[in-house]
PDB file of N, CA and C in Angstrom:
ATOM      1  N   UNK A   1      -0.735 -14.837  14.666  1.00  0.00           N
ATOM      2  CA  UNK A   1      -1.859 -14.094  14.386  1.00  0.00           C
ATOM      3  C   UNK A   1      -1.737 -13.522  12.898  1.00  0.00           C
ATOM      4  N   UNK A   2      -2.393 -13.554  12.088  1.00  0.00           N
ATOM      5  CA  UNK A   2      -2.457 -12.934  10.843  1.00  0.00           C
ATOM      6  C   UNK A   2      -3.099 -11.591  10.760  1.00  0.00           C
ATOM      7  N   UNK A   3      -2.296 -10.652  10.096  1.00  0.00           N
ATOM      8  CA  UNK A   3      -2.621  -9.339  10.100  1.00  0.00           C
ATOM      9  C   UNK A   3      -3.808  -9.130   9.228  1.00  0.00           C
ATOM     10  N   UNK A   4      -4.775  -8.341   9.720  1.00  0.00           N
ATOM     11  CA  UNK A   4      -5.928  -7.838   8.872  1.00  0.00           C
ATOM     12  C   UNK A   4      -5.655  -6.460   8.297  1.00  0.00           C
ATOM     13  N   UNK A   5      -5.282  -6.398   7.177  1.00  0.00           N
ATOM     14  CA  UNK A   5      -4.948  -4.911   6.576  1.00  0.00           C
ATOM     15  C   UNK A   5      -6.111  -4.096   6.148  1.00  0.00           C
ATOM     16  N   UNK A   6      -7.252  -4.909   5.974  1.00  0.00           N
ATOM     17  CA  UNK A   6      -8.645  -3.967   5.512  1.00  0.00           C
ATOM     18  C   UNK A   6      -8.944  -3.072   6.544  1.00  0.00           C
ATOM     19  N   UNK A   7      -9.205  -1.751   6.136  1.00  0.00           N
ATOM     20  CA  UNK A   7      -9.671  -0.864   7.000  1.00  0.00           C
ATOM     21  C   UNK A   7      -9.398   0.637   6.738  1.00  0.00           C
ATOM     22  N   UNK A   8      -9.724   1.459   7.529  1.00  0.00           N
ATOM     23  CA  UNK A   8      -9.515   2.984   7.349  1.00  0.00           C
ATOM     24  C   UNK A   8      -8.203   3.245   8.217  1.00  0.00           C
ATOM     25  N   UNK A   9      -7.431   4.148   7.725  1.00  0.00           N
ATOM     26  CA  UNK A   9      -6.196   4.626   8.409  1.00  0.00           C
ATOM     27  C   UNK A   9      -5.961   6.064   8.400  1.00  0.00           C
ATOM     28  N   UNK A  10      -5.389   6.543   9.463  1.00  0.00           N
ATOM     29  CA  UNK A  10      -4.866   7.999   9.587  1.00  0.00           C
ATOM     30  C   UNK A  10      -3.619   7.978   9.130  1.00  0.00           C
ATOM     31  N   UNK A  11      -3.178   9.145   8.460  1.00  0.00           N
ATOM     32  CA  UNK A  11      -1.805   9.156   7.865  1.00  0.00           C
ATOM     33  C   UNK A  11      -1.130  10.313   8.918  1.00  0.00           C
ATOM     34  N   UNK A  12       0.153   9.777   9.178  1.00  0.00           N
ATOM     35  CA  UNK A  12       1.173  10.638   9.924  1.00  0.00           C
ATOM     36  C   UNK A  12       2.313  10.447   9.218  1.00  0.00           C
ATOM     37  N   UNK A  13       2.679  11.280   8.306  1.00  0.00           N
ATOM     38  CA  UNK A  13       3.965  11.304   7.582  1.00  0.00           C
ATOM     39  C   UNK A  13       3.838  10.050   6.732  1.00  0.00           C
ATOM     40  N   UNK A  14       4.802   9.202   6.742  1.00  0.00           N
ATOM     41  CA  UNK A  14       4.826   7.925   6.008  1.00  0.00           C
ATOM     42  C   UNK A  14       4.285   6.722   6.800  1.00  0.00           C
ATOM     43  N   UNK A  15       3.572   7.053   7.911  1.00  0.00           N
ATOM     44  CA  UNK A  15       2.919   6.141   8.820  1.00  0.00           C
ATOM     45  C   UNK A  15       1.328   5.983   8.493  1.00  0.00           C
ATOM     46  N   UNK A  16       0.858   4.875   8.408  1.00  0.00           N
ATOM     47  CA  UNK A  16      -0.614   4.554   8.272  1.00  0.00           C
ATOM     48  C   UNK A  16      -1.069   4.110   9.597  1.00  0.00           C
ATOM     49  N   UNK A  17      -2.032   4.608  10.219  1.00  0.00           N
ATOM     50  CA  UNK A  17      -2.504   4.190  11.714  1.00  0.00           C
ATOM     51  C   UNK A  17      -4.000   3.714  11.633  1.00  0.00           C
ATOM     52  N   UNK A  18      -4.026   2.453  12.057  1.00  0.00           N
ATOM     53  CA  UNK A  18      -5.436   1.860  11.937  1.00  0.00           C
ATOM     54  C   UNK A  18      -5.935   1.896  13.562  1.00  0.00           C
ATOM     55  N   UNK A  19      -6.936   2.370  13.803  1.00  0.00           N
ATOM     56  CA  UNK A  19      -7.611   2.475  15.202  1.00  0.00           C
ATOM     57  C   UNK A  19      -8.692   1.361  15.355  1.00  0.00           C
ATOM     58  N   UNK A  20      -9.559   1.134  14.374  1.00  0.00           N
ATOM     59  CA  UNK A  20     -10.686   0.395  14.485  1.00  0.00           C
ATOM     60  C   UNK A  20     -10.125  -1.154  14.526  1.00  0.00           C
ATOM     61  N   UNK A  21     -10.886  -2.066  15.254  1.00  0.00           N
ATOM     62  CA  UNK A  21     -10.500  -3.333  15.589  1.00  0.00           C
ATOM     63  C   UNK A  21      -9.112  -3.417  16.178  1.00  0.00           C
ATOM     64  N   UNK A  22      -8.254  -4.317  15.816  1.00  0.00           N
ATOM     65  CA  UNK A  22      -6.873  -4.307  16.506  1.00  0.00           C
ATOM     66  C   UNK A  22      -6.131  -3.199  15.840  1.00  0.00           C
ATOM     67  N   UNK A  23      -5.442  -2.395  16.794  1.00  0.00           N
ATOM     68  CA  UNK A  23      -4.547  -1.288  16.287  1.00  0.00           C
ATOM     69  C   UNK A  23      -3.416  -2.043  15.341  1.00  0.00           C
ATOM     70  N   UNK A  24      -3.158  -1.113  14.301  1.00  0.00           N
ATOM     71  CA  UNK A  24      -2.155  -1.622  13.322  1.00  0.00           C
ATOM     72  C   UNK A  24      -1.479  -0.346  12.921  1.00  0.00           C
ATOM     73  N   UNK A  25      -0.194  -0.498  12.895  1.00  0.00           N
ATOM     74  CA  UNK A  25       0.676   0.661  12.406  1.00  0.00           C
ATOM     75  C   UNK A  25       1.397   0.106  11.159  1.00  0.00           C
ATOM     76  N   UNK A  26       1.283   0.707  10.034  1.00  0.00           N
ATOM     77  CA  UNK A  26       1.951   0.524   8.638  1.00  0.00           C
ATOM     78  C   UNK A  26       2.866   1.612   8.312  1.00  0.00           C
ATOM     79  N   UNK A  27       4.036   1.269   7.656  1.00  0.00           N
ATOM     80  CA  UNK A  27       5.010   2.263   7.371  1.00  0.00           C
ATOM     81  C   UNK A  27       5.172   2.053   5.805  1.00  0.00           C
ATOM     82  N   UNK A  28       5.199   3.164   4.949  1.00  0.00           N
ATOM     83  CA  UNK A  28       5.304   3.196   3.644  1.00  0.00           C
ATOM     84  C   UNK A  28       6.819   3.556   3.462  1.00  0.00           C
ATOM     85  N   UNK A  29       7.750   2.755   2.737  1.00  0.00           N
ATOM     86  CA  UNK A  29       9.029   2.945   2.698  1.00  0.00           C
ATOM     87  C   UNK A  29       9.527   3.139   1.123  1.00  0.00           C
ATOM     88  N   UNK A  30      10.505   3.486   0.822  1.00  0.00           N
ATOM     89  CA  UNK A  30      11.120   3.838  -0.365  1.00  0.00           C
ATOM     90  C   UNK A  30      12.336   3.122  -0.759  1.00  0.00           C
ATOM     91  N   UNK A  31      12.342   2.500  -2.008  1.00  0.00           N
ATOM     92  CA  UNK A  31      13.638   1.961  -2.475  1.00  0.00           C
ATOM     93  C   UNK A  31      14.692   2.945  -3.081  1.00  0.00           C
ATOM     94  N   UNK A  32      15.754   2.703  -2.953  1.00  0.00           N
ATOM     95  CA  UNK A  32      16.843   3.739  -3.570  1.00  0.00           C
ATOM     96  C   UNK A  32      17.029   3.316  -4.930  1.00  0.00           C
ATOM     97  N   UNK A  33      16.862   2.154  -5.442  1.00  0.00           N
ATOM     98  CA  UNK A  33      16.884   1.792  -6.775  1.00  0.00           C
ATOM     99  C   UNK A  33      15.612   0.872  -7.143  1.00  0.00           C
ATOM    100  N   UNK A  34      14.558   1.562  -7.622  1.00  0.00           N
ATOM    101  CA  UNK A  34      13.421   0.845  -8.037  1.00  0.00           C
ATOM    102  C   UNK A  34      13.733   0.204  -9.326  1.00  0.00           C
ATOM    103  N   UNK A  35      12.960  -0.972  -9.577  1.00  0.00           N
ATOM    104  CA  UNK A  35      12.993  -1.716 -11.004  1.00  0.00           C
ATOM    105  C   UNK A  35      11.678  -1.800 -11.314  1.00  0.00           C
ATOM    106  N   UNK A  36      11.565  -2.458 -12.477  1.00  0.00           N
ATOM    107  CA  UNK A  36      10.118  -2.720 -12.916  1.00  0.00           C
ATOM    108  C   UNK A  36       9.256  -3.779 -12.098  1.00  0.00           C
ATOM    109  N   UNK A  37      10.092  -4.790 -11.604  1.00  0.00           N
ATOM    110  CA  UNK A  37       9.545  -5.632 -10.772  1.00  0.00           C
ATOM    111  C   UNK A  37       9.368  -5.275  -9.203  1.00  0.00           C
ATOM    112  N   UNK A  38      10.327  -4.220  -8.976  1.00  0.00           N
ATOM    113  CA  UNK A  38      10.315  -3.733  -7.534  1.00  0.00           C
ATOM    114  C   UNK A  38      10.091  -2.329  -7.634  1.00  0.00           C
ATOM    115  N   UNK A  39       8.963  -1.809  -7.414  1.00  0.00           N
ATOM    116  CA  UNK A  39       8.547  -0.390  -7.626  1.00  0.00           C
ATOM    117  C   UNK A  39       9.103   0.603  -6.333  1.00  0.00           C
ATOM    118  N   UNK A  40       9.111   1.645  -6.660  1.00  0.00           N
ATOM    119  CA  UNK A  40       9.828   2.745  -5.614  1.00  0.00           C
ATOM    120  C   UNK A  40       9.141   2.501  -4.150  1.00  0.00           C
ATOM    121  N   UNK A  41       7.886   2.344  -3.862  1.00  0.00           N
ATOM    122  CA  UNK A  41       7.397   2.078  -2.646  1.00  0.00           C
ATOM    123  C   UNK A  41       6.974   0.667  -2.283  1.00  0.00           C
ATOM    124  N   UNK A  42       6.981   0.518  -0.835  1.00  0.00           N
ATOM    125  CA  UNK A  42       6.713  -0.788  -0.360  1.00  0.00           C
ATOM    126  C   UNK A  42       6.172  -0.467   1.085  1.00  0.00           C
ATOM    127  N   UNK A  43       5.409  -1.544   1.532  1.00  0.00           N
ATOM    128  CA  UNK A  43       4.575  -1.237   2.906  1.00  0.00           C
ATOM    129  C   UNK A  43       5.217  -2.131   4.057  1.00  0.00           C
ATOM    130  N   UNK A  44       5.384  -1.827   5.076  1.00  0.00           N
ATOM    131  CA  UNK A  44       5.885  -2.479   6.155  1.00  0.00           C
ATOM    132  C   UNK A  44       4.819  -2.442   7.299  1.00  0.00           C
ATOM    133  N   UNK A  45       4.899  -3.571   8.190  1.00  0.00           N
ATOM    134  CA  UNK A  45       4.117  -3.541   9.532  1.00  0.00           C
ATOM    135  C   UNK A  45       5.201  -3.171  10.609  1.00  0.00           C
ATOM    136  N   UNK A  46       4.902  -2.209  11.406  1.00  0.00           N
ATOM    137  CA  UNK A  46       5.605  -1.887  12.501  1.00  0.00           C
ATOM    138  C   UNK A  46       5.004  -2.437  13.741  1.00  0.00           C
ATOM    139  N   UNK A  47       5.939  -3.491  14.281  1.00  0.00           N
ATOM    140  CA  UNK A  47       5.297  -4.230  15.521  1.00  0.00           C
ATOM    141  C   UNK A  47       5.611  -3.319  16.860  1.00  0.00           C
ATOM    142  N   UNK A  48       4.919  -3.548  17.839  1.00  0.00           N
ATOM    143  CA  UNK A  48       5.196  -2.982  19.086  1.00  0.00           C
ATOM    144  C   UNK A  48       6.481  -3.229  19.736  1.00  0.00           C
ATOM    145  N   UNK A  49       7.069  -4.472  19.319  1.00  0.00           N
ATOM    146  CA  UNK A  49       8.346  -4.530  19.739  1.00  0.00           C
ATOM    147  C   UNK A  49       9.619  -3.689  18.995  1.00  0.00           C
ATOM    148  N   UNK A  50       9.018  -2.890  18.047  1.00  0.00           N
ATOM    149  CA  UNK A  50      10.236  -2.112  17.275  1.00  0.00           C
ATOM    150  C   UNK A  50      10.349  -2.827  15.965  1.00  0.00           C
ATOM    151  N   UNK A  51      10.174  -4.070  15.813  1.00  0.00           N
ATOM    152  CA  UNK A  51      10.582  -4.581  14.447  1.00  0.00           C
ATOM    153  C   UNK A  51       9.692  -4.139  13.349  1.00  0.00           C
ATOM    154  N   UNK A  52      10.119  -4.403  12.115  1.00  0.00           N
ATOM    155  CA  UNK A  52       9.506  -4.186  10.977  1.00  0.00           C
ATOM    156  C   UNK A  52       9.284  -5.411  10.280  1.00  0.00           C
ATOM    157  N   UNK A  53       8.201  -5.714   9.588  1.00  0.00           N
ATOM    158  CA  UNK A  53       7.900  -6.720   8.741  1.00  0.00           C
ATOM    159  C   UNK A  53       7.482  -6.411   7.327  1.00  0.00           C
ATOM    160  N   UNK A  54       8.178  -6.853   6.417  1.00  0.00           N
ATOM    161  CA  UNK A  54       7.864  -6.460   4.943  1.00  0.00           C
ATOM    162  C   UNK A  54       6.576  -7.170   4.584  1.00  0.00           C
ATOM    163  N   UNK A  55       5.583  -6.422   4.110  1.00  0.00           N
ATOM    164  CA  UNK A  55       4.193  -6.906   3.634  1.00  0.00           C
ATOM    165  C   UNK A  55       4.161  -7.016   2.121  1.00  0.00           C
ATOM    166  N   UNK A  56       4.587  -5.973   1.494  1.00  0.00           N
ATOM    167  CA  UNK A  56       4.263  -5.967   0.031  1.00  0.00           C
ATOM    168  C   UNK A  56       4.899  -4.751  -0.577  1.00  0.00           C
ATOM    169  N   UNK A  57       5.288  -4.845  -1.981  1.00  0.00           N
ATOM    170  CA  UNK A  57       5.567  -3.830  -2.859  1.00  0.00           C
ATOM    171  C   UNK A  57       4.199  -3.092  -3.090  1.00  0.00           C
ATOM    172  N   UNK A  58       4.366  -1.728  -3.401  1.00  0.00           N
ATOM    173  CA  UNK A  58       3.133  -0.893  -3.789  1.00  0.00           C
ATOM    174  C   UNK A  58       3.273  -0.688  -5.327  1.00  0.00           C
ATOM    175  N   UNK A  59       2.343  -1.117  -6.094  1.00  0.00           N
ATOM    176  CA  UNK A  59       2.296  -0.877  -7.419  1.00  0.00           C
ATOM    177  C   UNK A  59       1.284   0.286  -7.928  1.00  0.00           C
ATOM    178  N   UNK A  60       1.902   1.512  -8.279  1.00  0.00           N
ATOM    179  CA  UNK A  60       0.875   2.509  -8.546  1.00  0.00           C
ATOM    180  C   UNK A  60      -0.008   2.044  -9.633  1.00  0.00           C
ATOM    181  N   UNK A  61      -1.392   2.736  -9.298  1.00  0.00           N
ATOM    182  CA  UNK A  61      -2.481   2.679  -9.983  1.00  0.00           C
ATOM    183  C   UNK A  61      -2.665   4.051 -10.775  1.00  0.00           C
ATOM    184  N   UNK A  62      -3.401   4.143 -11.916  1.00  0.00           N
ATOM    185  CA  UNK A  62      -3.664   5.323 -12.485  1.00  0.00           C
ATOM    186  C   UNK A  62      -4.523   6.301 -11.267  1.00  0.00           C
ATOM    187  N   UNK A  63      -4.421   7.600 -11.179  1.00  0.00           N
ATOM    188  CA  UNK A  63      -5.108   8.368 -10.159  1.00  0.00           C
ATOM    189  C   UNK A  63      -6.098   9.190 -11.078  1.00  0.00           C
ATOM    190  N   UNK A  64      -7.216   8.508 -11.239  1.00  0.00           N
ATOM    191  CA  UNK A  64      -8.368   9.206 -11.990  1.00  0.00           C
ATOM    192  C   UNK A  64      -9.292  10.163 -11.004  1.00  0.00           C
ATOM    193  N   UNK A  65      -9.224   9.833  -9.770  1.00  0.00           N
ATOM    194  CA  UNK A  65     -10.203  10.647  -8.847  1.00  0.00           C
ATOM    195  C   UNK A  65      -9.843  11.912  -8.591  1.00  0.00           C
ATOM    196  N   UNK A  66      -8.884  12.357  -7.600  1.00  0.00           N
ATOM    197  CA  UNK A  66      -8.527  13.593  -7.281  1.00  0.00           C
ATOM    198  C   UNK A  66      -7.030  13.643  -7.528  1.00  0.00           C
ATOM    199  N   UNK A  67      -6.547  15.165  -7.397  1.00  0.00           N
ATOM    200  CA  UNK A  67      -5.174  15.088  -7.492  1.00  0.00           C
ATOM    201  C   UNK A  67      -4.511  14.845  -6.166  1.00  0.00           C
ATOM    202  N   UNK A  68      -5.189  14.829  -5.024  1.00  0.00           N
ATOM    203  CA  UNK A  68      -4.644  14.438  -3.809  1.00  0.00           C
ATOM    204  C   UNK A  68      -4.674  13.126  -3.493  1.00  0.00           C
ATOM    205  N   UNK A  69      -5.224  12.217  -4.342  1.00  0.00           N
ATOM    206  CA  UNK A  69      -5.493  10.929  -4.128  1.00  0.00           C
ATOM    207  C   UNK A  69      -4.361  10.035  -4.904  1.00  0.00           C
ATOM    208  N   UNK A  70      -3.794   8.981  -4.129  1.00  0.00           N
ATOM    209  CA  UNK A  70      -3.089   8.033  -4.789  1.00  0.00           C
ATOM    210  C   UNK A  70      -3.492   6.569  -4.612  1.00  0.00           C
ATOM    211  N   UNK A  71      -3.416   5.842  -5.609  1.00  0.00           N
ATOM    212  CA  UNK A  71      -3.806   4.449  -5.462  1.00  0.00           C
ATOM    213  C   UNK A  71      -2.643   3.435  -5.855  1.00  0.00           C
ATOM    214  N   UNK A  72      -2.777   2.390  -4.979  1.00  0.00           N
ATOM    215  CA  UNK A  72      -1.570   1.437  -5.184  1.00  0.00           C
ATOM    216  C   UNK A  72      -2.099  -0.018  -5.085  1.00  0.00           C
ATOM    217  N   UNK A  73      -1.796  -0.926  -5.872  1.00  0.00           N
ATOM    218  CA  UNK A  73      -2.174  -2.353  -5.721  1.00  0.00           C
ATOM    219  C   UNK A  73      -1.004  -3.062  -4.767  1.00  0.00           C
ATOM    220  N   UNK A  74      -1.588  -3.982  -4.188  1.00  0.00           N
ATOM    221  CA  UNK A  74      -0.418  -4.841  -3.171  1.00  0.00           C
ATOM    222  C   UNK A  74      -0.949  -6.080  -3.017  1.00  0.00           C
ATOM    223  N   UNK A  75      -0.152  -7.109  -2.748  1.00  0.00           N
ATOM    224  CA  UNK A  75      -0.755  -8.399  -2.354  1.00  0.00           C
ATOM    225  C   UNK A  75       0.217  -8.769  -1.152  1.00  0.00           C
ATOM    226  N   UNK A  76      -0.714  -9.677  -0.073  1.00  0.00           N
ATOM    227  CA  UNK A  76      -0.313 -10.086   0.977  1.00  0.00           C
ATOM    228  C   UNK A  76      -0.996 -11.446   1.308  1.00  0.00           C
ATOM    229  N   UNK A  77      -0.188 -12.399   1.632  1.00  0.00           N
ATOM    230  CA  UNK A  77      -0.834 -13.597   2.161  1.00  0.00           C
ATOM    231  C   UNK A  77      -1.947 -14.255   1.132  1.00  0.00           C
ATOM    232  N   UNK A  78      -1.491 -14.107  -0.082  1.00  0.00           N
ATOM    233  CA  UNK A  78      -2.653 -14.557  -1.229  1.00  0.00           C
ATOM    234  C   UNK A  78      -3.623 -13.809  -1.529  1.00  0.00           C
ATOM    235  N   UNK A  79      -3.697 -12.543  -0.950  1.00  0.00           N
ATOM    236  CA  UNK A  79      -4.972 -11.570  -1.315  1.00  0.00           C
ATOM    237  C   UNK A  79      -4.243 -10.383  -2.070  1.00  0.00           C
ATOM    238  N   UNK A  80      -5.124  -9.870  -2.862  1.00  0.00           N
ATOM    239  CA  UNK A  80      -4.928  -8.607  -3.546  1.00  0.00           C
ATOM    240  C   UNK A  80      -5.650  -7.670  -2.818  1.00  0.00           C
ATOM    241  N   UNK A  81      -4.831  -6.432  -2.621  1.00  0.00           N
ATOM    242  CA  UNK A  81      -5.493  -5.372  -1.990  1.00  0.00           C
ATOM    243  C   UNK A  81      -5.411  -4.061  -2.712  1.00  0.00           C
ATOM    244  N   UNK A  82      -6.201  -2.966  -2.545  1.00  0.00           N
ATOM    245  CA  UNK A  82      -6.099  -1.696  -3.096  1.00  0.00           C
ATOM    246  C   UNK A  82      -5.842  -0.806  -1.983  1.00  0.00           C
ATOM    247  N   UNK A  83      -4.762  -0.076  -2.005  1.00  0.00           N
ATOM    248  CA  UNK A  83      -4.597   1.093  -0.939  1.00  0.00           C
ATOM    249  C   UNK A  83      -4.909   2.254  -1.803  1.00  0.00           C
ATOM    250  N   UNK A  84      -5.763   3.256  -1.166  1.00  0.00           N
ATOM    251  CA  UNK A  84      -6.123   4.617  -1.562  1.00  0.00           C
ATOM    252  C   UNK A  84      -5.591   5.536  -0.565  1.00  0.00           C
ATOM    253  N   UNK A  85      -4.971   6.571  -0.915  1.00  0.00           N
ATOM    254  CA  UNK A  85      -4.410   7.553   0.132  1.00  0.00           C
ATOM    255  C   UNK A  85      -5.028   8.945  -0.381  1.00  0.00           C
ATOM    256  N   UNK A  86      -5.594   9.602   0.575  1.00  0.00           N
ATOM    257  CA  UNK A  86      -6.084  10.962   0.372  1.00  0.00           C
ATOM    258  C   UNK A  86      -5.422  11.904   1.161  1.00  0.00           C
ATOM    259  N   UNK A  87      -4.361  12.509   0.654  1.00  0.00           N
ATOM    260  CA  UNK A  87      -3.399  13.580   1.456  1.00  0.00           C
ATOM    261  C   UNK A  87      -4.180  14.516   1.913  1.00  0.00           C
ATOM    262  N   UNK A  88      -4.941  15.176   1.245  1.00  0.00           N
ATOM    263  CA  UNK A  88      -6.026  16.459   1.626  1.00  0.00           C
ATOM    264  C   UNK A  88      -6.696  16.175   2.838  1.00  0.00           C
ATOM    265  N   UNK A  89      -7.138  14.854   3.049  1.00  0.00           N
ATOM    266  CA  UNK A  89      -7.974  14.519   4.202  1.00  0.00           C
ATOM    267  C   UNK A  89      -7.147  13.709   5.189  1.00  0.00           C
ATOM    268  N   UNK A  90      -5.920  13.465   4.921  1.00  0.00           N
ATOM    269  CA  UNK A  90      -5.050  12.832   5.863  1.00  0.00           C
ATOM    270  C   UNK A  90      -5.570  11.389   6.190  1.00  0.00           C
ATOM    271  N   UNK A  91      -5.996  10.734   5.297  1.00  0.00           N
ATOM    272  CA  UNK A  91      -6.456   9.444   5.532  1.00  0.00           C
ATOM    273  C   UNK A  91      -6.240   8.300   4.328  1.00  0.00           C
ATOM    274  N   UNK A  92      -6.394   7.059   4.721  1.00  0.00           N
ATOM    275  CA  UNK A  92      -6.166   6.086   3.667  1.00  0.00           C
ATOM    276  C   UNK A  92      -7.197   4.974   3.872  1.00  0.00           C
ATOM    277  N   UNK A  93      -7.295   4.181   2.983  1.00  0.00           N
ATOM    278  CA  UNK A  93      -8.080   2.853   2.889  1.00  0.00           C
ATOM    279  C   UNK A  93      -7.556   1.847   2.440  1.00  0.00           C
ATOM    280  N   UNK A  94      -7.747   0.571   2.879  1.00  0.00           N
ATOM    281  CA  UNK A  94      -7.138  -0.540   2.258  1.00  0.00           C
ATOM    282  C   UNK A  94      -8.414  -1.536   2.189  1.00  0.00           C
ATOM    283  N   UNK A  95      -8.663  -1.912   0.878  1.00  0.00           N
ATOM    284  CA  UNK A  95      -9.777  -2.752   0.467  1.00  0.00           C
ATOM    285  C   UNK A  95      -9.221  -4.043  -0.215  1.00  0.00           C
ATOM    286  N   UNK A  96     -10.019  -5.181   0.025  1.00  0.00           N
ATOM    287  CA  UNK A  96      -9.597  -6.499  -0.502  1.00  0.00           C
ATOM    288  C   UNK A  96     -10.124  -6.580  -1.953  1.00  0.00           C
ATOM    289  N   UNK A  97      -9.448  -6.897  -2.809  1.00  0.00           N
ATOM    290  CA  UNK A  97      -9.944  -7.059  -4.364  1.00  0.00           C
ATOM    291  C   UNK A  97     -10.165  -8.384  -4.608  1.00  0.00           C
ATOM    292  N   UNK A  98      -9.594  -9.310  -3.926  1.00  0.00           N
ATOM    293  CA  UNK A  98      -9.828 -10.685  -4.236  1.00  0.00           C
ATOM    294  C   UNK A  98      -8.597 -11.517  -4.074  1.00  0.00           C
ATOM    295  N   UNK A  99      -8.726 -12.932  -4.243  1.00  0.00           N
ATOM    296  CA  UNK A  99      -7.580 -13.861  -4.039  1.00  0.00           C
ATOM    297  C   UNK A  99      -6.536 -13.600  -5.216  1.00  0.00           C
ATOM    298  N   UNK A 100      -5.291 -13.821  -4.911  1.00  0.00           N
ATOM    299  CA  UNK A 100      -4.312 -13.752  -6.016  1.00  0.00           C
ATOM    300  C   UNK A 100      -4.702 -14.798  -6.962  1.00  0.00           C
ATOM    301  N   UNK A 101      -4.685 -14.404  -8.371  1.00  0.00           N
ATOM    302  CA  UNK A 101      -4.979 -15.218  -9.425  1.00  0.00           C
ATOM    303  C   UNK A 101      -6.422 -14.788  -9.920  1.00  0.00           C
ATOM    304  N   UNK A 102      -7.304 -14.448  -8.984  1.00  0.00           N
ATOM    305  CA  UNK A 102      -8.671 -13.920  -9.263  1.00  0.00           C
ATOM    306  C   UNK A 102      -8.616 -12.527  -9.971  1.00  0.00           C
ATOM    307  N   UNK A 103      -7.605 -11.799  -9.431  1.00  0.00           N
ATOM    308  CA  UNK A 103      -7.510 -10.334  -9.959  1.00  0.00           C
ATOM    309  C   UNK A 103      -6.170 -10.239 -10.130  1.00  0.00           C
ATOM    310  N   UNK A 104      -5.570  -9.996 -11.360  1.00  0.00           N
ATOM    311  CA  UNK A 104      -4.191  -9.797 -11.569  1.00  0.00           C
ATOM    312  C   UNK A 104      -3.865  -8.358 -11.741  1.00  0.00           C
ATOM    313  N   UNK A 105      -4.579  -7.639 -11.014  1.00  0.00           N
ATOM    314  CA  UNK A 105      -4.196  -6.067 -11.146  1.00  0.00           C
ATOM    315  C   UNK A 105      -2.760  -5.646 -10.827  1.00  0.00           C
ATOM    316  N   UNK A 106      -2.155  -6.448  -9.869  1.00  0.00           N
ATOM    317  CA  UNK A 106      -0.811  -6.155  -9.392  1.00  0.00           C
ATOM    318  C   UNK A 106       0.241  -6.510 -10.657  1.00  0.00           C
ATOM    319  N   UNK A 107      -0.106  -7.595 -11.297  1.00  0.00           N
ATOM    320  CA  UNK A 107       0.929  -7.807 -12.344  1.00  0.00           C
ATOM    321  C   UNK A 107       0.618  -6.986 -13.750  1.00  0.00           C
ATOM    322  N   UNK A 108      -0.555  -6.655 -13.936  1.00  0.00           N
ATOM    323  CA  UNK A 108      -0.904  -5.660 -14.933  1.00  0.00           C
ATOM    324  C   UNK A 108      -0.098  -4.205 -14.627  1.00  0.00           C
ATOM    325  N   UNK A 109      -0.392  -3.662 -13.412  1.00  0.00           N
ATOM    326  CA  UNK A 109       0.138  -2.383 -13.110  1.00  0.00           C
ATOM    327  C   UNK A 109       1.717  -2.616 -13.259  1.00  0.00           C
ATOM    328  N   UNK A 110       2.287  -3.658 -12.659  1.00  0.00           N
ATOM    329  CA  UNK A 110       3.671  -3.727 -12.699  1.00  0.00           C
ATOM    330  C   UNK A 110       4.183  -3.787 -14.032  1.00  0.00           C
ATOM    331  N   UNK A 111       3.708  -4.606 -14.906  1.00  0.00           N
ATOM    332  CA  UNK A 111       4.129  -4.542 -16.325  1.00  0.00           C
ATOM    333  C   UNK A 111       3.921  -3.242 -16.996  1.00  0.00           C
ATOM    334  N   UNK A 112       2.809  -2.639 -16.816  1.00  0.00           N
ATOM    335  CA  UNK A 112       2.573  -1.326 -17.676  1.00  0.00           C
ATOM    336  C   UNK A 112       3.179  -0.174 -17.133  1.00  0.00           C
ATOM    337  N   UNK A 113       3.108   0.080 -15.854  1.00  0.00           N
ATOM    338  CA  UNK A 113       3.635   1.325 -15.121  1.00  0.00           C
ATOM    339  C   UNK A 113       4.994   1.217 -14.708  1.00  0.00           C
ATOM    340  N   UNK A 114       5.292   0.033 -14.336  1.00  0.00           N
ATOM    341  CA  UNK A 114       6.634  -0.227 -13.573  1.00  0.00           C
ATOM    342  C   UNK A 114       6.811   0.822 -12.453  1.00  0.00           C
ATOM    343  N   UNK A 115       7.802   1.701 -12.413  1.00  0.00           N
ATOM    344  CA  UNK A 115       7.908   2.493 -11.320  1.00  0.00           C
ATOM    345  C   UNK A 115       7.862   4.032 -11.856  1.00  0.00           C
ATOM    346  N   UNK A 116       6.857   4.252 -12.764  1.00  0.00           N
ATOM    347  CA  UNK A 116       6.897   5.538 -13.393  1.00  0.00           C
ATOM    348  C   UNK A 116       6.429   6.566 -12.390  1.00  0.00           C
ATOM    349  N   UNK A 117       5.299   6.284 -11.621  1.00  0.00           N
ATOM    350  CA  UNK A 117       4.747   7.367 -10.754  1.00  0.00           C
ATOM    351  C   UNK A 117       5.438   7.277  -9.249  1.00  0.00           C
ATOM    352  N   UNK A 118       6.089   8.394  -8.970  1.00  0.00           N
ATOM    353  CA  UNK A 118       6.790   8.446  -7.585  1.00  0.00           C
ATOM    354  C   UNK A 118       6.297   9.666  -6.693  1.00  0.00           C
ATOM    355  N   UNK A 119       5.219   9.468  -6.017  1.00  0.00           N
ATOM    356  CA  UNK A 119       4.804  10.487  -5.256  1.00  0.00           C
ATOM    357  C   UNK A 119       5.812  10.701  -3.972  1.00  0.00           C
ATOM    358  N   UNK A 120       5.842  11.887  -3.566  1.00  0.00           N
ATOM    359  CA  UNK A 120       6.860  12.278  -2.234  1.00  0.00           C
ATOM    360  C   UNK A 120       6.303  11.794  -1.178  1.00  0.00           C
ATOM    361  N   UNK A 121       7.038  11.145  -0.230  1.00  0.00           N
ATOM    362  CA  UNK A 121       6.640  10.823   1.082  1.00  0.00           C
ATOM    363  C   UNK A 121       7.578  11.708   1.973  1.00  0.00           C
TER     364      UNK A 121
END
């Protein structure tokens, strides 16, 4: 079964919990040694069995909205997504941006920003 990432999530530390539709638990991890191609943060799916599945690196976007909001682009199974996190409200949202190749946001952010922005988890 393919994971549907699109939706609203509640934040609990570094966990994103989706309750609508099929329950989904995502975990944001941090690399010890980020590079331009591998930014500091990445996202995993935490299965009921206790296993973790790597989904994507998280490429930081400029944060124009609020101080407590963070935005990341990511790609999974040929789709580009936008992850927006609002720490003040303790929620997050994942939206589909388009098919890979239609929207090159991930590659633009990766090449321009690399791993410059490192929010605390």
